Each structure stands twice: as structure tokens, then as C-alpha cells.
């Protein structure tokens, strides 16, 4: 290759890499205390994460490494604000009951948005996937109901991730957020 074409090839390669690793979209959810809001999403709009190691670090504690197979598909992100003295309840509802979805929600300082795998710590993280065994006195259907995210004295930004096992690459769903 002639010398003058080498820089052009380098720039073209760098641009192609930048396009391939475009920043994920975060859909805002305008949740309010005392109300329930639903927002639609599509699994095919997301992308797999480079790593899930962030989830089982002690500073995050979202889900254990033994459950990573439920979270290694495309990730679609949503964000809502949680006011002080409030509880947020998140339910993920697939349009097709046969689609196996998983989800997680973590709270961080207000206005601070750091996506996985770059997130290093959070105030709290909750997750739910399809159970691999029965739980006494409980049943699970196609929805994923995350344990509540709580704010006592401070407000928080809550990032919600919807994902699935690696072999599930498409599916429409709704994220339902209730703040009490």
C-alpha cells in the first residue's frame, strides 16, 4: 500500500470501529410518586455487553456469576428518578409470554448514569430471571418482578436493564414502573 494511503486506511478502520461500538440508548421513564408508568421496548434494539463481571462484584451484587446465562443476551436500558422516601417497583412484561426475559435495576447518585460494564458501584441492585428451581410458596409466570428499589433520605437515579439468555435475540416488552 502506498504511504499516503496508510493514514486513510487507519482513519477508515477507526471510524468503522466507532460505528460498531456506538453508545447504547437509554430510554427515560417519566415516573412520578403515586403513579404507574409503562414504556415499550424491543430486545433487538439492544446489544450484548462485553462483560458481566460488574454484576457479581461486591460493590454491585446484582446477580451471582452462576446466573450469568440468564443475562448474556442483548441489553436494553431505561432510566428513572427515584425521589427520597420512596419505593420503586419494576415489572418487565414480554408481549409474547414464551419470551424468556431477565432484568435488573440499580440505584446511583441523582443524574449519574454509568452503564454496565463500566459501572463500578451502586447504592443497591436488584435482579430477576427465570427461576431454575421452585421457590416455596411462590410461583413465577412470564413477567419478571424485580424486588423494590428504595430511597430513604436521598433521591437516586435508577438504571433498569432488560436482557435475556444469549439465544433470545428478539422480543417486544413493556417496563412497568410504580413509585410509592
N, C-alpha and C. Protein backbone atom coordinates (compact mmCIF):
# COMPACT_ATOMS: atom_id res chain seq x y z
N UNK A 1 0.85 -1.18 0.00
CA UNK A 1 0.00 0.00 0.00
C UNK A 1 0.89 1.24 0.00
N UNK A 2 0.59 2.22 -0.86
CA UNK A 2 1.38 3.45 -0.86
C UNK A 2 1.30 4.14 0.51
N UNK A 3 2.36 4.89 0.84
CA UNK A 3 2.47 5.54 2.15
C UNK A 3 1.33 6.51 2.42
N UNK A 4 0.88 7.23 1.42
CA UNK A 4 -0.16 8.24 1.63
C UNK A 4 -1.53 7.60 1.89
N UNK A 5 -1.72 6.32 1.53
CA UNK A 5 -2.99 5.65 1.78
C UNK A 5 -3.07 5.03 3.18
N UNK A 6 -1.95 4.81 3.82
CA UNK A 6 -1.95 4.20 5.15
C UNK A 6 -2.76 5.02 6.16
N UNK A 7 -2.58 6.37 6.25
CA UNK A 7 -3.40 7.14 7.19
C UNK A 7 -4.90 7.07 6.87
N UNK A 8 -5.23 7.04 5.58
CA UNK A 8 -6.63 6.95 5.18
C UNK A 8 -7.22 5.62 5.64
N UNK A 9 -6.49 4.55 5.46
CA UNK A 9 -6.96 3.23 5.90
C UNK A 9 -7.13 3.19 7.41
N UNK A 10 -6.20 3.82 8.15
CA UNK A 10 -6.28 3.87 9.61
C UNK A 10 -7.54 4.61 10.06
N UNK A 11 -7.80 5.78 9.46
CA UNK A 11 -8.99 6.57 9.81
C UNK A 11 -10.26 5.80 9.48
N UNK A 12 -10.31 5.14 8.35
CA UNK A 12 -11.48 4.36 7.96
C UNK A 12 -11.73 3.22 8.94
N UNK A 13 -10.66 2.56 9.36
CA UNK A 13 -10.79 1.47 10.33
C UNK A 13 -11.27 2.00 11.67
N UNK A 14 -10.74 3.13 12.13
CA UNK A 14 -11.16 3.73 13.39
C UNK A 14 -12.63 4.14 13.34
N UNK A 15 -13.06 4.72 12.24
CA UNK A 15 -14.47 5.11 12.10
C UNK A 15 -15.39 3.90 12.10
N UNK A 16 -14.99 2.85 11.43
CA UNK A 16 -15.80 1.62 11.41
C UNK A 16 -15.92 1.05 12.81
N UNK A 17 -14.84 1.07 13.58
CA UNK A 17 -14.88 0.57 14.96
C UNK A 17 -15.78 1.43 15.83
N UNK A 18 -15.73 2.75 15.63
CA UNK A 18 -16.57 3.65 16.42
C UNK A 18 -18.05 3.42 16.13
N UNK A 19 -18.39 3.21 14.86
CA UNK A 19 -19.78 2.94 14.50
C UNK A 19 -20.23 1.61 15.09
N UNK A 20 -19.37 0.60 15.06
CA UNK A 20 -19.72 -0.72 15.56
C UNK A 20 -19.93 -0.71 17.07
N UNK A 21 -19.28 0.22 17.79
CA UNK A 21 -19.41 0.26 19.24
C UNK A 21 -20.14 1.53 19.68
N UNK A 22 -21.16 1.93 18.95
CA UNK A 22 -21.93 3.11 19.29
C UNK A 22 -22.51 2.98 20.69
N UNK A 23 -22.61 4.10 21.36
CA UNK A 23 -23.14 4.10 22.72
C UNK A 23 -24.58 3.61 22.74
N UNK A 24 -24.92 2.81 23.74
CA UNK A 24 -26.30 2.32 23.83
C UNK A 24 -27.28 3.45 24.13
N UNK A 25 -28.50 3.26 23.75
CA UNK A 25 -29.56 4.22 24.01
C UNK A 25 -30.16 3.95 25.38
N UNK A 26 -30.44 5.02 26.11
CA UNK A 26 -31.13 4.90 27.40
C UNK A 26 -32.47 5.60 27.24
N UNK A 27 -33.55 4.86 27.42
CA UNK A 27 -34.89 5.44 27.31
C UNK A 27 -35.30 5.99 28.67
N UNK A 28 -35.60 7.30 28.73
CA UNK A 28 -36.03 7.86 30.02
C UNK A 28 -37.47 7.44 30.35
N UNK A 29 -37.72 7.22 31.62
CA UNK A 29 -39.07 6.90 32.10
C UNK A 29 -39.48 8.04 33.04
N UNK A 30 -40.55 8.72 32.69
CA UNK A 30 -41.04 9.85 33.49
C UNK A 30 -41.96 9.33 34.60
N UNK A 31 -41.36 8.69 35.57
CA UNK A 31 -42.13 8.11 36.68
C UNK A 31 -42.37 9.18 37.75
N UNK A 32 -43.53 9.11 38.39
CA UNK A 32 -43.88 10.04 39.45
C UNK A 32 -44.41 9.27 40.65
N UNK A 33 -44.19 9.83 41.82
CA UNK A 33 -44.66 9.20 43.05
C UNK A 33 -46.18 9.08 43.01
N UNK A 34 -46.66 7.88 43.35
CA UNK A 34 -48.10 7.62 43.37
C UNK A 34 -48.68 7.20 42.04
N UNK A 35 -47.83 7.03 41.03
CA UNK A 35 -48.32 6.67 39.69
C UNK A 35 -47.57 5.46 39.14
N UNK A 36 -48.19 4.82 38.14
CA UNK A 36 -47.57 3.71 37.41
C UNK A 36 -47.41 4.14 35.96
N UNK A 37 -46.23 3.89 35.41
CA UNK A 37 -45.92 4.26 34.03
C UNK A 37 -45.43 3.01 33.30
N UNK A 38 -45.84 2.86 32.04
CA UNK A 38 -45.35 1.76 31.20
C UNK A 38 -44.65 2.33 29.98
N UNK A 39 -43.51 1.72 29.65
CA UNK A 39 -42.72 2.13 28.48
C UNK A 39 -42.41 0.88 27.67
N UNK A 40 -42.57 0.97 26.35
CA UNK A 40 -42.33 -0.17 25.47
C UNK A 40 -40.86 -0.26 25.08
N UNK A 41 -40.43 -1.49 24.81
CA UNK A 41 -39.06 -1.72 24.36
C UNK A 41 -38.98 -2.96 23.49
N UNK A 42 -37.86 -3.10 22.79
CA UNK A 42 -37.60 -4.26 21.94
C UNK A 42 -36.20 -4.78 22.24
N UNK A 43 -36.11 -6.07 22.48
CA UNK A 43 -34.83 -6.68 22.78
C UNK A 43 -33.82 -6.51 21.64
N UNK A 44 -34.31 -6.52 20.40
CA UNK A 44 -33.42 -6.39 19.26
C UNK A 44 -32.80 -4.98 19.16
N UNK A 45 -33.29 -4.02 19.91
CA UNK A 45 -32.72 -2.67 19.93
C UNK A 45 -31.45 -2.59 20.78
N UNK A 46 -31.19 -3.62 21.59
CA UNK A 46 -30.02 -3.63 22.46
C UNK A 46 -28.87 -4.39 21.85
N UNK A 47 -27.86 -4.61 22.68
CA UNK A 47 -26.67 -5.35 22.26
C UNK A 47 -26.11 -6.08 23.47
N UNK A 48 -25.40 -7.19 23.25
CA UNK A 48 -24.75 -7.88 24.37
C UNK A 48 -23.67 -7.00 25.00
N UNK A 49 -23.40 -7.20 26.27
CA UNK A 49 -22.33 -6.47 26.95
C UNK A 49 -21.02 -7.21 26.75
N UNK A 50 -19.93 -6.47 26.77
CA UNK A 50 -18.60 -7.07 26.61
C UNK A 50 -18.28 -8.00 27.77
N UNK A 51 -18.82 -7.68 28.96
CA UNK A 51 -18.55 -8.48 30.15
C UNK A 51 -19.70 -8.33 31.14
N UNK A 52 -19.92 -9.37 31.93
CA UNK A 52 -20.91 -9.32 33.01
C UNK A 52 -20.24 -9.32 34.39
N UNK A 53 -18.91 -9.24 34.42
CA UNK A 53 -18.18 -9.28 35.69
C UNK A 53 -18.64 -8.22 36.69
N UNK A 54 -19.08 -7.08 36.21
CA UNK A 54 -19.55 -5.99 37.07
C UNK A 54 -20.68 -6.46 37.99
N UNK A 55 -21.53 -7.36 37.52
CA UNK A 55 -22.76 -7.73 38.23
C UNK A 55 -22.51 -8.49 39.52
N UNK A 56 -21.46 -9.28 39.60
CA UNK A 56 -21.24 -10.08 40.80
C UNK A 56 -20.12 -9.54 41.67
N UNK A 57 -19.61 -8.36 41.36
CA UNK A 57 -18.64 -7.73 42.27
C UNK A 57 -19.37 -7.31 43.54
N UNK A 58 -18.69 -7.32 44.66
CA UNK A 58 -19.34 -7.00 45.93
C UNK A 58 -19.86 -5.56 45.97
N UNK A 59 -19.30 -4.67 45.18
CA UNK A 59 -19.76 -3.28 45.15
C UNK A 59 -21.03 -3.10 44.32
N UNK A 60 -21.47 -4.15 43.65
CA UNK A 60 -22.71 -4.13 42.87
C UNK A 60 -23.72 -5.15 43.39
N UNK A 61 -23.29 -6.41 43.47
CA UNK A 61 -24.13 -7.51 43.97
C UNK A 61 -25.50 -7.58 43.29
N UNK A 62 -25.50 -7.55 41.96
CA UNK A 62 -26.77 -7.65 41.21
C UNK A 62 -27.25 -9.09 41.11
N UNK A 63 -26.39 -9.93 40.57
CA UNK A 63 -26.71 -11.35 40.45
C UNK A 63 -25.40 -12.13 40.48
N UNK A 64 -25.44 -13.39 40.93
CA UNK A 64 -24.20 -14.17 41.01
C UNK A 64 -23.75 -14.67 39.65
N UNK A 65 -22.48 -14.98 39.55
CA UNK A 65 -21.90 -15.49 38.30
C UNK A 65 -22.60 -16.76 37.84
N UNK A 66 -23.15 -17.53 38.78
CA UNK A 66 -23.84 -18.77 38.41
C UNK A 66 -25.10 -18.51 37.61
N UNK A 67 -25.60 -17.27 37.59
CA UNK A 67 -26.81 -16.94 36.83
C UNK A 67 -26.52 -16.16 35.54
N UNK A 68 -25.25 -16.02 35.19
CA UNK A 68 -24.91 -15.19 34.04
C UNK A 68 -25.57 -15.64 32.73
N UNK A 69 -25.89 -16.92 32.58
CA UNK A 69 -26.52 -17.40 31.35
C UNK A 69 -27.88 -16.73 31.12
N UNK A 70 -28.52 -16.24 32.17
CA UNK A 70 -29.82 -15.55 32.03
C UNK A 70 -29.67 -14.10 31.60
N UNK A 71 -28.44 -13.57 31.62
CA UNK A 71 -28.21 -12.14 31.38
C UNK A 71 -27.21 -11.87 30.26
N UNK A 72 -26.86 -12.86 29.44
CA UNK A 72 -25.81 -12.62 28.45
C UNK A 72 -26.30 -12.34 27.04
N UNK A 73 -27.57 -11.96 26.89
CA UNK A 73 -28.11 -11.57 25.59
C UNK A 73 -28.03 -10.07 25.40
N UNK A 74 -28.86 -9.54 24.52
CA UNK A 74 -28.92 -8.10 24.29
C UNK A 74 -29.41 -7.39 25.55
N UNK A 75 -28.86 -6.20 25.82
CA UNK A 75 -29.28 -5.38 26.96
C UNK A 75 -29.92 -4.10 26.44
N UNK A 76 -31.11 -3.78 26.96
CA UNK A 76 -31.83 -2.57 26.61
C UNK A 76 -31.98 -1.76 27.90
N UNK A 77 -31.67 -0.45 27.84
CA UNK A 77 -31.59 0.35 29.07
C UNK A 77 -32.69 1.40 29.18
N UNK A 78 -33.13 1.60 30.41
CA UNK A 78 -34.12 2.60 30.78
C UNK A 78 -33.61 3.31 32.02
N UNK A 79 -34.10 4.53 32.27
CA UNK A 79 -33.66 5.27 33.44
C UNK A 79 -34.83 6.07 34.01
N UNK A 80 -34.94 6.07 35.34
CA UNK A 80 -35.97 6.83 36.03
C UNK A 80 -35.38 7.44 37.30
N UNK A 81 -36.00 8.50 37.77
CA UNK A 81 -35.56 9.14 39.01
C UNK A 81 -36.44 8.64 40.16
N UNK A 82 -35.80 8.37 41.29
CA UNK A 82 -36.50 7.90 42.49
C UNK A 82 -36.37 8.98 43.56
N UNK A 83 -37.49 9.62 43.95
CA UNK A 83 -37.41 10.67 44.97
C UNK A 83 -37.14 10.11 46.37
N UNK A 84 -36.71 10.97 47.30
CA UNK A 84 -36.49 10.49 48.67
C UNK A 84 -37.79 9.95 49.28
N UNK A 85 -37.63 9.08 50.26
CA UNK A 85 -38.77 8.49 50.98
C UNK A 85 -39.74 7.80 50.02
N UNK A 86 -39.17 7.02 49.09
CA UNK A 86 -39.98 6.34 48.08
C UNK A 86 -39.48 4.94 47.83
N UNK A 87 -40.36 4.14 47.22
CA UNK A 87 -40.01 2.80 46.78
C UNK A 87 -40.39 2.66 45.31
N UNK A 88 -39.49 2.07 44.52
CA UNK A 88 -39.77 1.84 43.10
C UNK A 88 -39.97 0.35 42.88
N UNK A 89 -41.04 0.02 42.18
CA UNK A 89 -41.35 -1.35 41.81
C UNK A 89 -41.26 -1.46 40.30
N UNK A 90 -40.48 -2.42 39.80
CA UNK A 90 -40.26 -2.59 38.37
C UNK A 90 -40.74 -3.98 37.95
N UNK A 91 -41.58 -4.01 36.91
CA UNK A 91 -42.05 -5.27 36.34
C UNK A 91 -41.76 -5.25 34.85
N UNK A 92 -41.20 -6.33 34.35
CA UNK A 92 -40.91 -6.47 32.92
C UNK A 92 -41.93 -7.46 32.35
N UNK A 93 -42.66 -7.01 31.34
CA UNK A 93 -43.77 -7.79 30.80
C UNK A 93 -43.54 -8.05 29.31
N UNK A 94 -43.15 -9.28 28.93
CA UNK A 94 -42.99 -9.58 27.50
C UNK A 94 -44.35 -9.63 26.80
N UNK A 95 -44.41 -9.13 25.57
CA UNK A 95 -45.66 -9.20 24.79
C UNK A 95 -46.02 -10.65 24.50
N UNK A 96 -45.01 -11.47 24.22
CA UNK A 96 -45.20 -12.89 23.99
C UNK A 96 -44.79 -13.63 25.26
N UNK A 97 -45.72 -14.29 25.93
CA UNK A 97 -45.40 -14.98 27.18
C UNK A 97 -44.31 -16.05 27.06
N UNK A 98 -43.99 -16.49 25.84
CA UNK A 98 -42.96 -17.51 25.65
C UNK A 98 -41.54 -16.93 25.64
N UNK A 99 -41.41 -15.59 25.56
CA UNK A 99 -40.09 -14.96 25.53
C UNK A 99 -39.53 -14.88 26.94
N UNK A 100 -38.36 -15.44 27.14
CA UNK A 100 -37.71 -15.51 28.45
C UNK A 100 -36.84 -14.28 28.66
N UNK A 101 -37.32 -13.32 29.44
CA UNK A 101 -36.57 -12.10 29.72
C UNK A 101 -36.03 -12.11 31.14
N UNK A 102 -35.00 -11.31 31.36
CA UNK A 102 -34.42 -11.09 32.68
C UNK A 102 -34.28 -9.58 32.85
N UNK A 103 -34.12 -9.14 34.08
CA UNK A 103 -33.96 -7.72 34.30
C UNK A 103 -33.22 -7.40 35.57
N UNK A 104 -32.72 -6.18 35.64
CA UNK A 104 -32.05 -5.69 36.83
C UNK A 104 -32.27 -4.19 36.93
N UNK A 105 -32.14 -3.66 38.13
CA UNK A 105 -32.26 -2.22 38.37
C UNK A 105 -31.28 -1.85 39.46
N UNK A 106 -30.51 -0.81 39.23
CA UNK A 106 -29.59 -0.35 40.27
C UNK A 106 -29.71 1.16 40.45
N UNK A 107 -29.51 1.58 41.70
CA UNK A 107 -29.62 3.00 42.03
C UNK A 107 -28.24 3.60 42.24
N UNK A 108 -28.09 4.83 41.74
CA UNK A 108 -26.85 5.59 41.86
C UNK A 108 -27.20 7.04 42.18
N UNK A 109 -26.20 7.87 42.38
CA UNK A 109 -26.42 9.29 42.68
C UNK A 109 -27.29 9.94 41.61
N UNK A 110 -28.14 10.90 41.99
CA UNK A 110 -29.02 11.56 41.01
C UNK A 110 -28.24 12.15 39.84
N UNK A 111 -28.73 11.92 38.65
CA UNK A 111 -28.11 12.45 37.46
C UNK A 111 -26.88 11.69 36.99
N UNK A 112 -26.42 10.73 37.74
CA UNK A 112 -25.22 9.95 37.37
C UNK A 112 -25.67 8.71 36.60
N UNK A 113 -25.27 8.64 35.35
CA UNK A 113 -25.64 7.49 34.54
C UNK A 113 -24.35 6.81 34.06
N UNK A 114 -24.07 5.66 34.60
CA UNK A 114 -22.93 4.85 34.16
C UNK A 114 -23.49 3.47 33.82
N UNK A 115 -23.30 3.07 32.59
CA UNK A 115 -23.85 1.79 32.11
C UNK A 115 -22.88 0.64 32.34
N UNK A 116 -23.43 -0.55 32.47
CA UNK A 116 -22.57 -1.74 32.51
C UNK A 116 -21.87 -1.88 31.16
N UNK A 117 -20.70 -2.39 31.13
CA UNK A 117 -19.91 -2.96 32.20
C UNK A 117 -19.04 -1.94 32.93
N UNK A 118 -19.21 -0.63 32.65
CA UNK A 118 -18.36 0.40 33.24
C UNK A 118 -18.77 0.81 34.65
N UNK A 119 -19.96 0.43 35.09
CA UNK A 119 -20.40 0.81 36.43
C UNK A 119 -19.56 0.05 37.47
N UNK A 120 -19.04 0.79 38.46
CA UNK A 120 -18.15 0.17 39.44
C UNK A 120 -18.85 -0.09 40.77
N UNK A 121 -19.87 0.72 41.08
CA UNK A 121 -20.59 0.54 42.35
C UNK A 121 -21.95 1.19 42.26
N UNK A 122 -22.80 0.83 43.19
CA UNK A 122 -24.14 1.40 43.24
C UNK A 122 -24.62 1.41 44.69
N UNK A 123 -25.74 2.07 44.93
CA UNK A 123 -26.33 2.08 46.26
C UNK A 123 -26.99 0.72 46.51
N UNK A 124 -27.78 0.27 45.53
CA UNK A 124 -28.40 -1.06 45.62
C UNK A 124 -28.67 -1.57 44.22
N UNK A 125 -28.76 -2.89 44.10
CA UNK A 125 -29.06 -3.51 42.81
C UNK A 125 -29.99 -4.69 43.06
N UNK A 126 -31.01 -4.80 42.24
CA UNK A 126 -31.97 -5.90 42.32
C UNK A 126 -32.08 -6.54 40.94
N UNK A 127 -32.28 -7.84 40.90
CA UNK A 127 -32.37 -8.55 39.62
C UNK A 127 -33.38 -9.69 39.71
N UNK A 128 -33.87 -10.08 38.55
CA UNK A 128 -34.81 -11.22 38.49
C UNK A 128 -34.68 -11.88 37.12
N UNK A 129 -34.60 -13.19 37.15
CA UNK A 129 -34.53 -14.00 35.94
C UNK A 129 -35.49 -15.18 36.11
N UNK A 130 -35.63 -15.96 35.06
CA UNK A 130 -36.45 -17.17 35.16
C UNK A 130 -35.81 -18.10 36.19
N UNK A 131 -36.61 -18.56 37.12
CA UNK A 131 -36.09 -19.42 38.18
C UNK A 131 -35.64 -20.75 37.62
N UNK A 132 -34.55 -21.27 38.16
CA UNK A 132 -34.07 -22.59 37.74
C UNK A 132 -34.57 -23.69 38.66
N UNK A 133 -35.30 -23.31 39.70
CA UNK A 133 -35.91 -24.29 40.60
C UNK A 133 -37.09 -23.61 41.30
N UNK A 134 -38.02 -24.37 41.83
CA UNK A 134 -39.18 -23.77 42.51
C UNK A 134 -38.76 -23.07 43.81
N UNK A 135 -39.57 -22.08 44.19
CA UNK A 135 -39.39 -21.38 45.46
C UNK A 135 -40.64 -21.63 46.29
N UNK A 136 -40.43 -22.08 47.50
CA UNK A 136 -41.54 -22.46 48.37
C UNK A 136 -42.54 -21.30 48.54
N UNK A 137 -43.79 -21.61 48.28
CA UNK A 137 -44.87 -20.63 48.46
C UNK A 137 -44.95 -19.57 47.38
N UNK A 138 -44.17 -19.67 46.32
CA UNK A 138 -44.18 -18.66 45.26
C UNK A 138 -44.34 -19.32 43.90
N UNK A 139 -44.89 -18.56 42.97
CA UNK A 139 -45.00 -19.00 41.58
C UNK A 139 -44.44 -17.90 40.69
N UNK A 140 -44.02 -18.28 39.51
CA UNK A 140 -43.49 -17.31 38.55
C UNK A 140 -44.16 -17.54 37.21
N UNK A 141 -44.60 -16.44 36.57
CA UNK A 141 -45.15 -16.54 35.23
C UNK A 141 -44.15 -15.91 34.26
N UNK A 142 -44.61 -15.41 33.13
CA UNK A 142 -43.72 -14.85 32.12
C UNK A 142 -43.20 -13.45 32.47
N UNK A 143 -43.81 -12.79 33.45
CA UNK A 143 -43.33 -11.47 33.85
C UNK A 143 -42.15 -11.61 34.81
N UNK A 144 -41.35 -10.56 34.88
CA UNK A 144 -40.24 -10.53 35.83
C UNK A 144 -40.48 -9.36 36.77
N UNK A 145 -40.72 -9.68 38.03
CA UNK A 145 -40.98 -8.67 39.05
C UNK A 145 -39.72 -8.51 39.88
N UNK A 146 -39.07 -7.35 39.76
CA UNK A 146 -37.85 -7.11 40.50
C UNK A 146 -38.18 -6.72 41.93
N UNK A 147 -37.33 -7.11 42.89
CA UNK A 147 -37.52 -6.61 44.26
C UNK A 147 -37.45 -5.08 44.25
N UNK A 148 -38.09 -4.45 45.20
CA UNK A 148 -38.19 -2.99 45.20
C UNK A 148 -36.82 -2.32 45.37
N UNK A 149 -36.71 -1.12 44.80
CA UNK A 149 -35.55 -0.25 44.98
C UNK A 149 -36.02 0.87 45.89
N UNK A 150 -35.29 1.13 46.96
CA UNK A 150 -35.74 2.06 48.00
C UNK A 150 -34.83 3.28 48.11
N UNK A 151 -35.45 4.43 48.34
CA UNK A 151 -34.74 5.67 48.66
C UNK A 151 -35.28 6.16 50.00
N UNK A 152 -34.40 6.31 50.96
CA UNK A 152 -34.85 6.77 52.28
C UNK A 152 -34.67 8.29 52.39
N UNK A 153 -33.46 8.76 52.57
CA UNK A 153 -33.24 10.20 52.75
C UNK A 153 -32.79 10.92 51.51
N UNK A 154 -32.27 10.21 50.52
CA UNK A 154 -31.72 10.83 49.31
C UNK A 154 -32.45 10.37 48.06
N UNK A 155 -32.50 11.21 47.04
CA UNK A 155 -33.03 10.78 45.75
C UNK A 155 -31.96 9.98 45.00
N UNK A 156 -32.38 9.16 44.03
CA UNK A 156 -31.45 8.38 43.24
C UNK A 156 -31.89 8.33 41.79
N UNK A 157 -30.93 8.11 40.91
CA UNK A 157 -31.21 7.72 39.53
C UNK A 157 -31.22 6.19 39.52
N UNK A 158 -32.20 5.62 38.86
CA UNK A 158 -32.30 4.16 38.78
C UNK A 158 -32.15 3.76 37.31
N UNK A 159 -31.16 2.93 37.06
CA UNK A 159 -30.96 2.40 35.72
C UNK A 159 -31.57 1.00 35.67
N UNK A 160 -32.41 0.76 34.68
CA UNK A 160 -33.09 -0.53 34.51
C UNK A 160 -32.55 -1.18 33.24
N UNK A 161 -32.11 -2.42 33.37
CA UNK A 161 -31.64 -3.17 32.21
C UNK A 161 -32.55 -4.35 31.95
N UNK A 162 -32.96 -4.51 30.70
CA UNK A 162 -33.76 -5.66 30.30
C UNK A 162 -32.89 -6.48 29.36
N UNK A 163 -32.80 -7.78 29.61
CA UNK A 163 -31.95 -8.66 28.82
C UNK A 163 -32.57 -10.04 28.75
N UNK A 164 -31.82 -10.99 28.28
CA UNK A 164 -32.32 -12.36 28.11
C UNK A 164 -31.12 -13.30 27.96
N UNK A 165 -31.37 -14.60 27.95
CA UNK A 165 -30.28 -15.52 27.62
C UNK A 165 -29.78 -15.26 26.20
N UNK A 166 -28.58 -15.69 25.90
CA UNK A 166 -27.91 -15.42 24.63
C UNK A 166 -28.74 -15.82 23.41
N UNK A 167 -29.49 -16.91 23.51
CA UNK A 167 -30.24 -17.40 22.34
C UNK A 167 -31.54 -16.64 22.10
N UNK A 168 -31.93 -15.75 23.00
CA UNK A 168 -33.14 -14.93 22.82
C UNK A 168 -32.69 -13.56 22.33
N UNK A 169 -32.88 -13.28 21.04
CA UNK A 169 -32.36 -12.05 20.45
C UNK A 169 -33.44 -11.04 20.07
N UNK A 170 -34.70 -11.43 20.16
CA UNK A 170 -35.79 -10.54 19.77
C UNK A 170 -36.97 -10.74 20.70
N UNK A 171 -37.75 -9.70 20.82
CA UNK A 171 -38.96 -9.77 21.62
C UNK A 171 -39.37 -8.39 22.10
N UNK A 172 -40.66 -8.11 21.98
CA UNK A 172 -41.18 -6.84 22.47
C UNK A 172 -41.60 -7.01 23.92
N UNK A 173 -41.50 -5.92 24.68
CA UNK A 173 -41.85 -5.97 26.09
C UNK A 173 -42.25 -4.58 26.58
N UNK A 174 -42.77 -4.53 27.78
CA UNK A 174 -43.05 -3.28 28.47
C UNK A 174 -42.33 -3.30 29.82
N UNK A 175 -41.85 -2.14 30.21
CA UNK A 175 -41.29 -1.96 31.54
C UNK A 175 -42.31 -1.12 32.30
N UNK A 176 -42.80 -1.70 33.39
CA UNK A 176 -43.78 -1.00 34.23
C UNK A 176 -43.07 -0.52 35.50
N UNK A 177 -43.17 0.77 35.77
CA UNK A 177 -42.54 1.36 36.94
C UNK A 177 -43.59 2.03 37.80
N UNK A 178 -43.62 1.65 39.08
CA UNK A 178 -44.52 2.26 40.05
C UNK A 178 -43.68 2.83 41.17
N UNK A 179 -43.96 4.07 41.54
CA UNK A 179 -43.27 4.68 42.67
C UNK A 179 -44.31 4.94 43.76
N UNK A 180 -44.01 4.41 44.95
CA UNK A 180 -44.89 4.61 46.10
C UNK A 180 -44.18 5.41 47.15
